[in-house]
Amino acid sequence: MHLILEQLQHRFSKEQTAWKTIQELEPCLIFRFGATFPMRTSGKGKTKKTERDYDNLVYDLNADESFNQRLVKGIDVYYPAIKEQIKK
């Protein structure tokens, strides 16, 4: 019995050899989690559709939702001072 936890799914599109190798293990469960998921395209012409590669999505939390739910207090951007010598 195999259980696979996959964190870097943006590196494992389902068309690549890595995904096919995972499938050969015949896992009972593949748990994919992370901040980025690859895009997948289906259909052609007018029926072409591009969407995130989610299967049986359990939970989705993006940056806007996490801020609106007050899970993040704020966002601060820091721009370091660059000396004129380095700019040239």
N, C-alpha and C. Protein backbone atom coordinates (compact mmCIF):
# COMPACT_ATOMS: atom_id res chain seq x y z
N MET A 1 0.86 -1.18 0.00
CA MET A 1 0.00 0.00 0.00
C MET A 1 0.90 1.24 0.00
N HIS A 2 0.64 2.15 -0.92
CA HIS A 2 1.45 3.36 -1.05
C HIS A 2 0.58 4.59 -0.83
N LEU A 3 1.13 5.53 -0.07
CA LEU A 3 0.53 6.84 0.13
C LEU A 3 1.56 7.85 -0.35
N ILE A 4 1.17 8.71 -1.27
CA ILE A 4 2.12 9.67 -1.83
C ILE A 4 1.69 11.09 -1.47
N LEU A 5 2.63 11.84 -0.88
CA LEU A 5 2.42 13.26 -0.58
C LEU A 5 3.24 14.04 -1.59
N GLU A 6 2.59 14.91 -2.32
CA GLU A 6 3.26 15.66 -3.38
C GLU A 6 3.12 17.14 -3.08
N GLN A 7 4.26 17.79 -2.81
CA GLN A 7 4.21 19.21 -2.48
C GLN A 7 4.50 20.10 -3.69
N LEU A 8 5.40 19.72 -4.53
CA LEU A 8 5.80 20.57 -5.65
C LEU A 8 5.11 20.14 -6.94
N GLN A 9 3.78 20.16 -6.93
CA GLN A 9 3.03 19.68 -8.08
C GLN A 9 3.24 20.53 -9.32
N HIS A 10 3.69 21.78 -9.17
CA HIS A 10 3.96 22.59 -10.36
C HIS A 10 5.11 22.01 -11.16
N ARG A 11 5.88 21.12 -10.57
CA ARG A 11 6.97 20.46 -11.29
C ARG A 11 6.54 19.12 -11.88
N PHE A 12 5.36 18.65 -11.54
CA PHE A 12 4.89 17.35 -11.99
C PHE A 12 3.60 17.49 -12.79
N SER A 13 3.71 17.92 -14.03
CA SER A 13 2.48 17.93 -14.83
C SER A 13 2.16 16.48 -15.15
N LYS A 14 0.93 16.20 -15.39
CA LYS A 14 0.50 14.82 -15.59
C LYS A 14 0.94 14.24 -16.93
N GLU A 15 1.56 15.06 -17.77
CA GLU A 15 2.09 14.58 -19.04
C GLU A 15 3.54 14.14 -18.91
N GLN A 16 4.19 14.43 -17.79
CA GLN A 16 5.61 14.13 -17.63
C GLN A 16 5.84 12.70 -17.13
N THR A 17 7.06 12.25 -17.30
CA THR A 17 7.45 10.91 -16.89
C THR A 17 7.32 10.73 -15.38
N ALA A 18 7.60 11.76 -14.59
CA ALA A 18 7.52 11.65 -13.14
C ALA A 18 6.12 11.23 -12.70
N TRP A 19 5.09 11.83 -13.29
CA TRP A 19 3.71 11.49 -12.92
C TRP A 19 3.38 10.06 -13.32
N LYS A 20 3.84 9.65 -14.48
CA LYS A 20 3.60 8.28 -14.94
C LYS A 20 4.28 7.26 -14.02
N THR A 21 5.47 7.61 -13.53
CA THR A 21 6.19 6.74 -12.60
C THR A 21 5.44 6.64 -11.28
N ILE A 22 4.89 7.74 -10.81
CA ILE A 22 4.08 7.72 -9.58
C ILE A 22 2.88 6.80 -9.78
N GLN A 23 2.24 6.86 -10.92
CA GLN A 23 1.08 6.02 -11.19
C GLN A 23 1.44 4.53 -11.22
N GLU A 24 2.65 4.21 -11.64
CA GLU A 24 3.09 2.82 -11.68
C GLU A 24 3.20 2.21 -10.28
N LEU A 25 3.34 3.05 -9.26
CA LEU A 25 3.37 2.56 -7.88
C LEU A 25 2.00 2.10 -7.40
N GLU A 26 0.97 2.47 -8.15
CA GLU A 26 -0.42 2.15 -7.80
C GLU A 26 -0.76 2.60 -6.38
N PRO A 27 -0.59 3.89 -6.09
CA PRO A 27 -0.86 4.37 -4.73
C PRO A 27 -2.35 4.33 -4.41
N CYS A 28 -2.67 4.10 -3.14
CA CYS A 28 -4.07 4.13 -2.73
C CYS A 28 -4.54 5.58 -2.56
N LEU A 29 -3.59 6.50 -2.37
CA LEU A 29 -3.94 7.91 -2.20
C LEU A 29 -2.77 8.78 -2.65
N ILE A 30 -3.07 9.82 -3.40
CA ILE A 30 -2.08 10.84 -3.74
C ILE A 30 -2.61 12.15 -3.18
N PHE A 31 -1.88 12.71 -2.24
CA PHE A 31 -2.27 13.96 -1.58
C PHE A 31 -1.38 15.06 -2.12
N ARG A 32 -1.95 15.97 -2.91
CA ARG A 32 -1.20 17.07 -3.51
C ARG A 32 -1.54 18.36 -2.77
N PHE A 33 -0.52 19.03 -2.26
CA PHE A 33 -0.76 20.30 -1.58
C PHE A 33 0.30 21.30 -1.98
N GLY A 34 -0.06 22.57 -1.96
CA GLY A 34 0.91 23.60 -2.30
C GLY A 34 0.25 24.89 -2.73
N ALA A 35 1.09 25.84 -3.07
CA ALA A 35 0.61 27.17 -3.45
C ALA A 35 0.37 27.30 -4.95
N THR A 36 1.02 26.47 -5.73
CA THR A 36 0.87 26.58 -7.18
C THR A 36 0.54 25.22 -7.78
N PHE A 37 -0.38 25.22 -8.69
CA PHE A 37 -0.74 24.01 -9.42
C PHE A 37 -0.58 24.30 -10.91
N PRO A 38 -0.15 23.32 -11.69
CA PRO A 38 0.02 23.57 -13.12
C PRO A 38 -1.32 23.78 -13.81
N MET A 39 -1.26 24.42 -14.97
CA MET A 39 -2.45 24.60 -15.79
C MET A 39 -2.58 23.39 -16.72
N ARG A 40 -3.81 23.02 -17.04
CA ARG A 40 -4.04 21.97 -18.02
C ARG A 40 -5.05 22.47 -19.04
N THR A 41 -4.86 22.02 -20.26
CA THR A 41 -5.71 22.44 -21.37
C THR A 41 -6.43 21.22 -21.92
N SER A 42 -7.70 21.38 -22.18
CA SER A 42 -8.48 20.30 -22.78
C SER A 42 -9.30 20.87 -23.93
N GLY A 43 -9.59 20.03 -24.90
CA GLY A 43 -10.38 20.46 -26.05
C GLY A 43 -9.56 21.21 -27.07
N LYS A 44 -10.20 21.53 -28.19
CA LYS A 44 -9.55 22.27 -29.27
C LYS A 44 -10.52 23.28 -29.84
N GLY A 45 -9.96 24.32 -30.44
CA GLY A 45 -10.80 25.33 -31.09
C GLY A 45 -11.72 26.04 -30.11
N LYS A 46 -13.01 26.09 -30.44
CA LYS A 46 -13.99 26.78 -29.60
C LYS A 46 -14.23 26.07 -28.27
N THR A 47 -13.93 24.79 -28.21
CA THR A 47 -14.15 24.04 -26.97
C THR A 47 -12.90 23.97 -26.09
N LYS A 48 -11.84 24.68 -26.50
CA LYS A 48 -10.59 24.68 -25.73
C LYS A 48 -10.82 25.34 -24.38
N LYS A 49 -10.34 24.68 -23.33
CA LYS A 49 -10.53 25.19 -21.98
C LYS A 49 -9.24 25.01 -21.20
N THR A 50 -8.78 26.06 -20.52
CA THR A 50 -7.58 26.01 -19.69
C THR A 50 -8.00 26.25 -18.25
N GLU A 51 -7.54 25.36 -17.36
CA GLU A 51 -7.90 25.45 -15.95
C GLU A 51 -6.79 24.90 -15.08
N ARG A 52 -6.86 25.17 -13.80
CA ARG A 52 -5.89 24.62 -12.85
C ARG A 52 -6.07 23.12 -12.75
N ASP A 53 -4.98 22.42 -12.54
CA ASP A 53 -5.00 20.96 -12.47
C ASP A 53 -5.39 20.51 -11.06
N TYR A 54 -6.64 20.73 -10.72
CA TYR A 54 -7.19 20.29 -9.44
C TYR A 54 -8.04 19.03 -9.68
N ASP A 55 -7.85 18.02 -8.90
CA ASP A 55 -8.72 16.86 -8.90
C ASP A 55 -9.19 16.65 -7.47
N ASN A 56 -10.48 16.59 -7.27
CA ASN A 56 -11.05 16.38 -5.94
C ASN A 56 -10.52 17.41 -4.93
N LEU A 57 -10.63 18.67 -5.29
CA LEU A 57 -10.12 19.76 -4.46
C LEU A 57 -10.82 19.76 -3.11
N VAL A 58 -10.03 19.81 -2.05
CA VAL A 58 -10.56 19.81 -0.69
C VAL A 58 -10.65 21.23 -0.16
N TYR A 59 -9.61 22.03 -0.38
CA TYR A 59 -9.59 23.38 0.18
C TYR A 59 -8.76 24.28 -0.72
N ASP A 60 -9.21 25.51 -0.92
CA ASP A 60 -8.50 26.48 -1.74
C ASP A 60 -8.47 27.80 -1.00
N LEU A 61 -7.28 28.33 -0.78
CA LEU A 61 -7.12 29.61 -0.10
C LEU A 61 -6.09 30.42 -0.86
N ASN A 62 -6.53 31.53 -1.46
CA ASN A 62 -5.59 32.37 -2.19
C ASN A 62 -5.22 33.59 -1.34
N ALA A 63 -4.36 34.44 -1.86
CA ALA A 63 -3.85 35.59 -1.11
C ALA A 63 -4.98 36.54 -0.71
N ASP A 64 -5.91 36.83 -1.63
CA ASP A 64 -7.01 37.74 -1.31
C ASP A 64 -7.90 37.18 -0.21
N GLU A 65 -8.24 35.91 -0.31
CA GLU A 65 -9.10 35.30 0.70
C GLU A 65 -8.43 35.27 2.06
N SER A 66 -7.14 34.95 2.09
CA SER A 66 -6.44 34.90 3.38
C SER A 66 -6.39 36.29 4.02
N PHE A 67 -6.23 37.35 3.22
CA PHE A 67 -6.25 38.70 3.76
C PHE A 67 -7.65 39.08 4.24
N ASN A 68 -8.68 38.78 3.43
CA ASN A 68 -10.05 39.12 3.80
C ASN A 68 -10.54 38.36 5.03
N GLN A 69 -10.02 37.16 5.25
CA GLN A 69 -10.39 36.38 6.44
C GLN A 69 -9.52 36.74 7.64
N ARG A 70 -8.71 37.76 7.48
CA ARG A 70 -7.82 38.26 8.53
C ARG A 70 -6.83 37.20 9.03
N LEU A 71 -6.41 36.34 8.11
CA LEU A 71 -5.38 35.37 8.44
C LEU A 71 -4.00 35.98 8.27
N VAL A 72 -3.96 37.09 7.51
CA VAL A 72 -2.74 37.85 7.29
C VAL A 72 -3.04 39.27 7.74
N LYS A 73 -2.17 39.82 8.58
CA LYS A 73 -2.44 41.16 9.11
C LYS A 73 -2.19 42.25 8.08
N GLY A 74 -1.26 42.04 7.21
CA GLY A 74 -0.97 43.07 6.22
C GLY A 74 0.15 42.64 5.31
N ILE A 75 0.38 43.44 4.33
CA ILE A 75 1.43 43.15 3.37
C ILE A 75 2.36 44.35 3.35
N ASP A 76 3.65 44.08 3.48
CA ASP A 76 4.64 45.15 3.50
C ASP A 76 5.67 44.86 2.42
N VAL A 77 5.97 45.86 1.64
CA VAL A 77 6.95 45.69 0.57
C VAL A 77 8.18 46.47 0.96
N TYR A 78 9.33 45.83 0.86
CA TYR A 78 10.60 46.46 1.21
C TYR A 78 11.45 46.61 -0.04
N TYR A 79 11.87 47.82 -0.32
CA TYR A 79 12.76 48.09 -1.44
C TYR A 79 14.10 48.53 -0.86
N PRO A 80 15.13 47.72 -0.99
CA PRO A 80 16.43 48.10 -0.43
C PRO A 80 17.02 49.28 -1.19
N ALA A 81 17.77 50.10 -0.48
CA ALA A 81 18.43 51.23 -1.11
C ALA A 81 19.61 50.72 -1.92
N ILE A 82 19.69 51.13 -3.17
CA ILE A 82 20.76 50.70 -4.04
C ILE A 82 21.67 51.90 -4.30
N LYS A 83 22.94 51.71 -4.05
CA LYS A 83 23.89 52.80 -4.25
C LYS A 83 24.03 53.09 -5.74
N GLU A 84 24.32 54.34 -6.06
CA GLU A 84 24.45 54.76 -7.45
C GLU A 84 25.53 53.97 -8.19
N GLN A 85 26.61 53.57 -7.49
CA GLN A 85 27.70 52.84 -8.12
C GLN A 85 27.20 51.48 -8.62
N ILE A 86 26.35 50.84 -7.86
CA ILE A 86 25.86 49.52 -8.21
C ILE A 86 24.89 49.61 -9.40
N LYS A 87 24.12 50.67 -9.47
CA LYS A 87 23.14 50.82 -10.55
C LYS A 87 23.80 50.84 -11.92
N LYS A 88 25.02 51.40 -11.98
CA LYS A 88 25.72 51.53 -13.27
C LYS A 88 26.39 50.24 -13.56
